[in-house]
Amino acid sequence: MTGASHTRSVPPAEANPVRTVQQGKRLRAFLAAEAERLGFCACAVAPAVAEPILRQRLSEFVSLGRHGSMEWLPETLGRRADPQVLWPEARSVVVLAMNYGPDDDPLENHARKDRATISVYARNRDYHDVIKGKMKELAAKFASRAGGDVKVFVDTAPVMEKPLAQAAGLGWIGKHTNLVSRSHGSWIFLSSIFTTVDLGIDKAEIDHCGSCRACLDACPTNAFPAPYQIDARRCISYLTIENKGPIPLEFRKPIGNRVYGCDDCLAVCPWNKYAKSANEAKLIAREDLRSPPLADFLAMDDAAFRAFFSGSPVKRIGRDRFLRNVLIAAGNSADQTLVPACEVLLQDASPLVRGAAIWALSQLAEPGHMQQLSGSLGDEPDDQVKAEWQLALTGSGTPEPAKQDNTGLTR
């Protein structure tokens, strides 16, 4: 399944079953009970429509270039902004939440600079795979009982899950642009079942952020131009996951030891005081991903990377992008014992890895040693890697404070 899955097709006469209010309530109660049995922490229903303001906000986000290199956003804007464009026959959207709350403070590992910090959601199995089977089971049982047609979406199709979740009453979109729940804080995965059945609707949630700006102030890279707005190009999650090129200089120091994603804005939310630890075993952190040594990752070739991260969302960015991130963390570690491993990666087959290794060594090694290592400069075929050498040798490996243009993007 790439995004949507037809769980049940129905004859045209059944296509849009009309339900009484009581029938809708009974079906919603059935869905809630089955969802709880399958491990979801919340289930509610929203209408399969979108407010016009959502299209306006998404269009503005894209027009300002804040989506970065995620070209699938402008390409799917029309369908993403309105469920009726995605599937005109849909009448209701069943929105489900699954808790993935950590059993520790994910911010504590930032102080262990010789260790890697991996985002909480990626410390075990890929949540798409965990949720997909449960969603299909729930949708099949619902379709069998209710008639109509259904489609299942798990974060891989053009669906704006967060506005739908707020419309269904599961939470509200916080100032960090993520969903916040009064029961589960910021640690929830969202998925949805679109259906041609009219189920009625649940009461929408209102904003409870008040004057709090903890998430905005916690961001290491100032990725929030204003409350409720994000510039993905400045977000560490985007930079370490979606970004396919070198990490821009201005963000290398702020990234610290974050090698895959960032949880800072989520972790500081005061509503997390009501959050609970995940109870789905496949979403509980693997012990070897809670605070893994950077040295272990620096030694990984492609086969070792694929084996270690088998079944993990980390695997999808590939070994080269992951090593790029690890090398940035190594450069921020002040750990001289990592120098030999970084030197080996100067000869890596990937220009992305070689360039990051140069920056890491420019932070860890003595200037004289960098001059000695630069003997390989003449053999370097990649212009970007040559530019990294130039920066390292001229003492420009640490970026100057950046200027901002009128979009909020630093230049």
Protein backbone atom coordinates (compact mmCIF):
# COMPACT_ATOMS: atom_id res chain seq x y z
CA MET A 1 0.00 0.00 0.00
CA THR A 2 1.54 3.30 -1.04
CA GLY A 3 -1.04 5.59 0.50
CA ALA A 4 -4.64 4.55 0.15
CA SER A 5 -6.10 1.08 0.29
CA HIS A 6 -9.60 0.13 -0.79
CA THR A 7 -10.68 -2.29 1.91
CA ARG A 8 -14.15 -2.92 0.55
CA SER A 9 -15.91 -2.02 -2.71
CA VAL A 10 -19.70 -1.82 -2.79
CA PRO A 11 -22.43 -1.73 -5.40
CA PRO A 12 -23.55 1.76 -6.48
CA ALA A 13 -26.78 1.51 -4.50
CA GLU A 14 -24.75 1.22 -1.31
CA ALA A 15 -22.28 3.89 -2.18
CA ASN A 16 -23.52 6.57 0.23
CA PRO A 17 -25.58 4.86 2.93
CA VAL A 18 -27.77 7.28 4.87
CA ARG A 19 -27.75 6.69 8.60
CA THR A 20 -29.98 7.94 11.37
CA VAL A 21 -28.35 9.82 14.23
CA GLN A 22 -28.63 6.75 16.45
CA GLN A 23 -27.17 4.46 13.81
CA GLY A 24 -24.26 6.85 13.40
CA LYS A 25 -23.66 6.88 17.16
CA ARG A 26 -23.72 3.09 17.34
CA LEU A 27 -21.23 2.81 14.49
CA ARG A 28 -18.94 5.36 16.13
CA ALA A 29 -19.13 3.43 19.40
CA PHE A 30 -18.25 0.23 17.52
CA LEU A 31 -15.27 1.93 15.89
CA ALA A 32 -14.05 3.32 19.20
CA ALA A 33 -14.24 -0.07 20.91
CA GLU A 34 -12.45 -1.88 18.07
CA ALA A 35 -9.82 0.85 17.85
CA GLU A 36 -9.06 0.54 21.55
CA ARG A 37 -8.78 -3.23 21.21
CA LEU A 38 -6.24 -2.76 18.42
CA GLY A 39 -4.12 -0.41 20.52
CA PHE A 40 -5.23 3.01 19.34
CA CYS A 41 -5.52 5.60 22.10
CA ALA A 42 -8.25 7.69 20.47
CA CYS A 43 -10.83 7.47 17.69
CA ALA A 44 -13.25 10.15 16.48
CA VAL A 45 -15.08 11.27 13.35
CA ALA A 46 -14.76 14.42 11.26
CA PRO A 47 -16.70 15.49 8.17
CA ALA A 48 -14.94 14.78 4.87
CA VAL A 49 -14.64 18.47 4.05
CA ALA A 50 -12.01 21.13 4.64
CA GLU A 51 -12.29 24.78 5.52
CA PRO A 52 -11.14 27.07 2.68
CA ILE A 53 -8.56 28.65 5.00
CA LEU A 54 -6.59 25.38 4.97
CA ARG A 55 -5.97 25.61 1.23
CA GLN A 56 -4.96 29.25 1.67
CA ARG A 57 -2.46 28.43 4.42
CA LEU A 58 -0.98 25.48 2.54
CA SER A 59 -0.68 27.56 -0.65
CA GLU A 60 1.09 30.31 1.28
CA PHE A 61 3.47 27.78 2.86
CA VAL A 62 4.41 26.47 -0.58
CA SER A 63 4.59 29.89 -2.28
CA LEU A 64 7.09 31.04 0.36
CA GLY A 65 9.23 28.00 -0.41
CA ARG A 66 8.97 26.76 3.16
CA HIS A 67 8.49 23.20 1.94
CA GLY A 68 12.13 23.10 0.85
CA SER A 69 12.83 20.24 -1.54
CA MET A 70 9.65 18.33 -0.69
CA GLU A 71 8.23 18.72 -4.20
CA TRP A 72 5.42 16.28 -3.49
CA LEU A 73 3.74 19.04 -1.47
CA PRO A 74 3.06 21.46 -4.35
CA GLU A 75 2.38 18.53 -6.66
CA THR A 76 -0.42 17.23 -4.42
CA LEU A 77 -1.64 20.56 -3.04
CA GLY A 78 -5.13 20.34 -4.53
CA ARG A 79 -5.86 16.87 -3.20
CA ARG A 80 -4.13 17.53 0.12
CA ALA A 81 -6.10 20.69 0.83
CA ASP A 82 -9.55 19.13 0.40
CA PRO A 83 -10.73 15.56 1.11
CA GLN A 84 -13.45 16.03 -1.50
CA VAL A 85 -10.83 16.49 -4.20
CA LEU A 86 -8.98 13.40 -2.98
CA TRP A 87 -12.20 11.32 -2.92
CA PRO A 88 -15.48 13.07 -3.84
CA GLU A 89 -17.65 10.21 -2.55
CA ALA A 90 -16.29 10.43 1.00
CA ARG A 91 -18.74 11.60 3.65
CA SER A 92 -16.93 10.92 6.91
CA VAL A 93 -13.33 10.57 8.08
CA VAL A 94 -12.51 8.30 11.01
CA VAL A 95 -9.36 9.71 12.58
CA LEU A 96 -7.27 7.51 14.85
CA ALA A 97 -4.38 8.25 17.16
CA MET A 98 -1.74 5.87 18.47
CA ASN A 99 0.44 6.86 21.41
CA TYR A 100 4.21 6.56 21.02
CA GLY A 101 5.19 8.43 24.18
CA PRO A 102 8.76 7.86 25.45
CA ASP A 103 9.50 6.36 28.85
CA ASP A 104 12.35 8.84 29.40
CA ASP A 105 13.15 12.48 28.71
CA PRO A 106 14.40 12.58 25.11
CA LEU A 107 16.19 15.88 25.75
CA GLU A 108 18.59 14.42 28.30
CA ASN A 109 20.69 12.68 25.66
CA HIS A 110 21.71 15.99 24.08
CA ALA A 111 24.29 16.42 26.85
CA ARG A 112 25.99 13.15 25.91
CA LYS A 113 27.86 14.57 22.94
CA ASP A 114 29.68 11.35 22.06
CA ARG A 115 26.29 9.66 21.68
CA ALA A 116 23.68 9.99 18.95
CA THR A 117 20.14 11.24 19.49
CA ILE A 118 17.49 9.62 17.30
CA SER A 119 13.95 10.95 17.28
CA VAL A 120 11.59 9.08 19.61
CA TYR A 121 9.35 7.89 16.79
CA ALA A 122 12.27 6.19 15.01
CA ARG A 123 13.74 4.17 17.87
CA ASN A 124 12.03 0.94 16.90
CA ARG A 125 9.82 -0.25 14.05
CA ASP A 126 8.51 1.97 11.25
CA TYR A 127 5.14 3.17 12.51
CA HIS A 128 3.62 2.93 9.03
CA ASP A 129 4.13 -0.83 9.15
CA VAL A 130 2.88 -1.06 12.74
CA ILE A 131 -0.32 0.88 12.10
CA LYS A 132 -1.15 -0.25 8.56
CA GLY A 133 -2.27 -3.77 9.45
CA LYS A 134 -4.36 -2.57 12.38
CA MET A 135 -6.04 0.04 10.18
CA LYS A 136 -6.90 -2.50 7.50
CA GLU A 137 -8.41 -4.84 10.10
CA LEU A 138 -10.51 -2.06 11.59
CA ALA A 139 -11.65 -0.78 8.19
CA ALA A 140 -12.65 -4.27 7.04
CA LYS A 141 -14.77 -4.88 10.15
CA PHE A 142 -16.39 -1.49 9.84
CA ALA A 143 -17.20 -1.96 6.14
CA SER A 144 -18.69 -5.37 6.85
CA ARG A 145 -20.98 -3.90 9.49
CA ALA A 146 -21.82 -0.53 7.96
CA GLY A 147 -21.79 -1.08 4.22
CA GLY A 148 -20.36 1.63 2.03
CA ASP A 149 -16.79 1.93 0.86
CA VAL A 150 -13.63 2.79 2.77
CA LYS A 151 -10.07 3.92 2.10
CA VAL A 152 -7.24 3.68 4.60
CA PHE A 153 -4.52 6.33 4.86
CA VAL A 154 -1.40 6.15 7.05
CA ASP A 155 0.60 9.35 6.53
CA THR A 156 1.79 8.41 3.03
CA ALA A 157 -1.02 9.95 0.96
CA PRO A 158 -2.02 13.60 0.41
CA VAL A 159 -4.16 13.90 3.54
CA MET A 160 -3.96 16.75 6.04
CA GLU A 161 -4.32 14.54 9.10
CA LYS A 162 -3.78 17.25 11.71
CA PRO A 163 -6.68 19.54 10.70
CA LEU A 164 -8.92 16.49 10.39
CA ALA A 165 -7.84 15.33 13.84
CA GLN A 166 -8.70 18.74 15.29
CA ALA A 167 -12.06 18.72 13.52
CA ALA A 168 -12.71 15.27 15.02
CA GLY A 169 -11.83 16.50 18.52
CA LEU A 170 -8.63 14.48 19.05
CA GLY A 171 -6.56 17.56 19.80
CA TRP A 172 -5.54 20.92 18.40
CA ILE A 173 -2.72 22.11 16.20
CA GLY A 174 -0.19 23.71 18.53
CA LYS A 175 2.16 26.60 17.91
CA HIS A 176 4.76 24.04 16.77
CA THR A 177 2.32 22.99 14.00
CA ASN A 178 1.90 19.49 15.45
CA LEU A 179 -1.19 18.05 17.07
CA VAL A 180 -1.46 18.37 20.85
CA SER A 181 -3.80 16.20 22.90
CA ARG A 182 -5.00 16.97 26.40
CA SER A 183 -4.68 13.25 27.16
CA HIS A 184 -1.48 12.32 25.33
CA GLY A 185 0.47 15.53 24.82
CA SER A 186 2.42 15.70 21.55
CA TRP A 187 3.34 12.01 21.25
CA ILE A 188 0.72 10.61 18.86
CA PHE A 189 0.69 9.12 15.36
CA LEU A 190 -2.34 9.89 13.20
CA SER A 191 -4.07 7.80 10.57
CA SER A 192 -7.49 7.92 8.93
CA ILE A 193 -10.25 5.90 7.32
CA PHE A 194 -12.28 7.72 4.68
CA THR A 195 -15.76 6.29 4.17
CA THR A 196 -18.83 6.90 2.06
CA VAL A 197 -20.93 6.25 5.17
CA ASP A 198 -22.34 9.32 6.90
CA LEU A 199 -21.41 8.74 10.54
CA GLY A 200 -22.27 12.13 11.93
CA ILE A 201 -19.44 14.05 13.55
CA ASP A 202 -17.72 14.48 16.89
CA LYS A 203 -17.13 17.84 18.53
CA ALA A 204 -14.08 19.70 17.26
CA GLU A 205 -11.32 20.64 19.72
CA ILE A 206 -10.30 24.23 20.46
CA ASP A 207 -6.83 25.68 20.95
CA HIS A 208 -5.45 25.35 24.50
CA CYS A 209 -1.94 26.78 23.93
CA GLY A 210 -2.78 30.13 25.49
CA SER A 211 0.25 32.40 25.94
CA CYS A 212 2.73 29.49 26.13
CA ARG A 213 5.63 29.61 23.69
CA ALA A 214 7.81 26.83 25.10
CA CYS A 215 7.97 24.98 21.78
CA LEU A 216 8.89 28.10 19.83
CA ASP A 217 11.70 29.00 22.22
CA ALA A 218 13.05 25.43 22.33
CA CYS A 219 13.78 25.16 18.59
CA PRO A 220 17.58 25.06 18.10
CA THR A 221 17.37 26.50 14.56
CA ASN A 222 14.55 29.04 14.87
CA ALA A 223 12.34 27.13 12.44
CA PHE A 224 9.14 28.93 13.49
CA PRO A 225 8.73 32.31 11.72
CA ALA A 226 5.65 32.88 13.88
CA PRO A 227 3.36 30.80 16.11
CA TYR A 228 1.55 28.12 14.08
CA GLN A 229 4.00 28.53 11.17
CA ILE A 230 7.06 26.46 10.28
CA ASP A 231 9.83 26.85 7.74
CA ALA A 232 10.86 23.29 6.97
CA ARG A 233 14.17 24.50 5.54
CA ARG A 234 15.25 25.46 9.06
CA CYS A 235 13.82 22.38 10.83
CA ILE A 236 16.29 19.73 12.00
CA SER A 237 13.84 16.96 11.12
CA TYR A 238 13.77 18.18 7.53
CA LEU A 239 17.51 18.83 7.40
CA THR A 240 18.45 15.35 8.65
CA ILE A 241 15.73 13.35 6.89
CA GLU A 242 14.21 15.00 3.80
CA ASN A 243 17.25 17.07 2.79
CA LYS A 244 19.37 15.09 0.33
CA GLY A 245 22.34 17.46 0.15
CA PRO A 246 24.92 18.75 2.60
CA ILE A 247 23.70 20.27 5.86
CA PRO A 248 23.87 24.08 5.41
CA LEU A 249 26.73 25.55 7.43
CA GLU A 250 24.59 27.68 9.73
CA PHE A 251 22.73 24.65 11.06
CA ARG A 252 25.66 22.30 11.71
CA LYS A 253 26.44 23.54 15.21
CA PRO A 254 22.78 23.84 16.33
CA ILE A 255 22.11 20.25 15.23
CA GLY A 256 24.30 19.03 18.07
CA ASN A 257 24.10 15.23 18.29
CA ARG A 258 20.72 14.84 16.55
CA VAL A 259 21.37 12.31 13.77
CA TYR A 260 17.77 11.61 12.76
CA GLY A 261 14.98 14.06 13.42
CA CYS A 262 14.39 16.33 16.40
CA ASP A 263 11.90 16.21 19.29
CA ASP A 264 12.72 19.43 21.10
CA CYS A 265 9.51 21.32 20.30
CA LEU A 266 7.42 18.25 21.14
CA ALA A 267 9.27 17.36 24.33
CA VAL A 268 8.91 20.74 26.04
CA CYS A 269 5.13 20.96 25.59
CA PRO A 270 3.50 21.33 29.05
CA TRP A 271 0.62 19.10 27.98
CA ASN A 272 3.04 16.17 28.01
CA LYS A 273 2.48 15.98 31.76
CA TYR A 274 -0.62 13.97 30.86
CA ALA A 275 1.19 11.78 28.34
CA LYS A 276 1.76 8.08 28.90
CA SER A 277 4.48 5.78 27.64
CA ALA A 278 3.73 3.76 24.51
CA ASN A 279 2.10 0.40 25.15
CA GLU A 280 2.64 -0.99 21.64
CA ALA A 281 5.79 -3.10 21.96
CA LYS A 282 6.97 -2.24 18.45
CA LEU A 283 6.95 1.47 19.31
CA ILE A 284 8.93 1.16 22.56
CA ALA A 285 12.56 2.20 22.08
CA ARG A 286 15.15 -0.44 21.32
CA GLU A 287 17.85 -0.34 23.97
CA ASP A 288 20.57 0.08 21.35
CA LEU A 289 18.83 3.18 19.93
CA ARG A 290 18.29 5.08 23.18
CA SER A 291 21.82 6.55 23.31
CA PRO A 292 24.01 4.83 20.72
CA PRO A 293 27.72 5.73 20.48
CA LEU A 294 28.61 7.86 17.47
CA ALA A 295 31.69 5.68 16.97
CA ASP A 296 29.52 2.66 16.19
CA PHE A 297 27.70 4.48 13.41
CA LEU A 298 30.85 5.98 11.90
CA ALA A 299 32.12 2.46 11.23
CA MET A 300 29.02 1.34 9.29
CA ASP A 301 29.18 0.36 5.66
CA ASP A 302 25.98 0.03 3.65
CA ALA A 303 25.37 -3.63 4.55
CA ALA A 304 25.83 -2.96 8.27
CA PHE A 305 23.53 0.08 8.08
CA ARG A 306 20.77 -1.88 6.37
CA ALA A 307 21.03 -4.76 8.82
CA PHE A 308 21.10 -2.57 11.92
CA PHE A 309 18.15 -0.43 10.82
CA SER A 310 16.08 -3.19 9.23
CA GLY A 311 12.41 -2.37 9.79
CA SER A 312 13.28 1.10 11.08
CA PRO A 313 12.21 4.41 9.51
CA VAL A 314 15.88 5.44 9.63
CA LYS A 315 16.63 2.96 6.86
CA ARG A 316 14.69 4.99 4.29
CA ILE A 317 17.22 7.85 4.18
CA GLY A 318 20.05 5.47 3.29
CA ARG A 319 23.52 5.03 4.71
CA ASP A 320 25.09 8.09 3.05
CA ARG A 321 22.61 10.66 4.40
CA PHE A 322 22.72 8.99 7.80
CA LEU A 323 26.54 9.10 7.88
CA ARG A 324 26.37 12.77 6.86
CA ASN A 325 24.26 13.41 9.98
CA VAL A 326 26.51 11.31 12.21
CA LEU A 327 29.59 13.19 11.00
CA ILE A 328 27.96 16.53 11.86
CA ALA A 329 27.30 15.15 15.34
CA ALA A 330 30.90 13.93 15.54
CA GLY A 331 32.13 17.40 14.67
CA ASN A 332 30.04 18.76 17.54
CA SER A 333 31.20 16.13 20.02
CA ALA A 334 34.66 17.51 20.99
CA ASP A 335 35.64 13.82 21.15
CA GLN A 336 39.17 13.46 19.78
CA THR A 337 38.88 9.67 19.74
CA LEU A 338 36.53 10.00 16.74
CA VAL A 339 39.23 11.57 14.54
CA PRO A 340 40.56 8.27 13.07
CA ALA A 341 37.06 7.12 12.06
CA CYS A 342 36.37 10.49 10.45
CA GLU A 343 39.67 10.32 8.57
CA VAL A 344 38.70 6.97 7.07
CA LEU A 345 35.50 8.56 5.73
CA LEU A 346 37.52 11.16 3.81
CA GLN A 347 37.98 8.36 1.27
CA ASP A 348 34.33 7.27 1.25
CA ALA A 349 32.69 6.61 -2.12
CA SER A 350 29.95 9.15 -1.36
CA PRO A 351 30.76 12.87 -1.89
CA LEU A 352 28.08 13.65 0.71
CA VAL A 353 29.97 11.61 3.31
CA ARG A 354 33.39 12.95 2.30
CA GLY A 355 32.22 16.53 2.61
CA ALA A 356 30.71 15.96 6.06
CA ALA A 357 33.90 14.18 7.18
CA ILE A 358 35.95 17.25 6.23
CA TRP A 359 33.74 19.49 8.36
CA ALA A 360 33.84 17.06 11.30
CA LEU A 361 37.64 16.95 11.19
CA SER A 362 37.83 20.74 10.91
CA GLN A 363 36.07 20.85 14.29
CA LEU A 364 38.06 18.04 15.94
CA ALA A 365 41.58 18.07 14.52
CA GLU A 366 44.40 20.57 14.92
CA PRO A 367 44.80 23.04 12.00
CA GLY A 368 48.19 21.60 11.14
CA HIS A 369 46.70 18.14 10.89
CA MET A 370 44.04 19.40 8.49
CA GLN A 371 46.78 20.80 6.28
CA GLN A 372 48.42 17.37 6.19
CA LEU A 373 45.15 15.67 5.33
CA SER A 374 44.48 18.11 2.51
CA GLY A 375 47.02 16.27 0.40
CA SER A 376 44.08 14.43 -1.13
CA LEU A 377 42.59 17.71 -2.41
CA GLY A 378 44.10 17.40 -5.87
CA ASP A 379 42.46 14.03 -6.44
CA GLU A 380 38.99 15.17 -5.35
CA PRO A 381 36.57 15.19 -8.34
CA ASP A 382 33.54 16.70 -6.58
CA ASP A 383 33.18 20.49 -6.50
CA GLN A 384 31.13 20.51 -3.30
CA VAL A 385 33.76 18.46 -1.49
CA LYS A 386 36.47 20.80 -2.78
CA ALA A 387 34.47 23.70 -1.37
CA GLU A 388 34.34 21.94 2.01
CA TRP A 389 38.14 21.59 1.94
CA GLN A 390 38.47 25.27 1.15
CA LEU A 391 36.23 26.22 4.06
CA ALA A 392 38.13 23.93 6.42
CA LEU A 393 41.56 25.17 5.42
CA THR A 394 40.64 28.85 5.58
CA GLY A 395 39.10 28.53 9.02
CA SER A 396 35.55 29.02 7.77
CA GLY A 397 34.22 25.66 8.93
CA THR A 398 32.14 27.39 11.58
CA PRO A 399 29.55 29.57 9.80
CA GLU A 400 29.10 33.27 10.39
CA PRO A 401 25.70 34.47 11.70
CA ALA A 402 23.29 34.29 8.79
CA LYS A 403 21.11 37.04 7.35
CA GLN A 404 17.41 36.52 6.68
CA ASP A 405 15.41 37.46 3.64
CA ASN A 406 11.74 38.36 3.74
CA THR A 407 10.65 34.72 3.66
CA GLY A 408 12.48 33.93 6.89
CA LEU A 409 15.08 31.83 5.05
CA THR A 410 18.66 32.50 6.05
CA ARG A 411 21.04 33.23 3.20
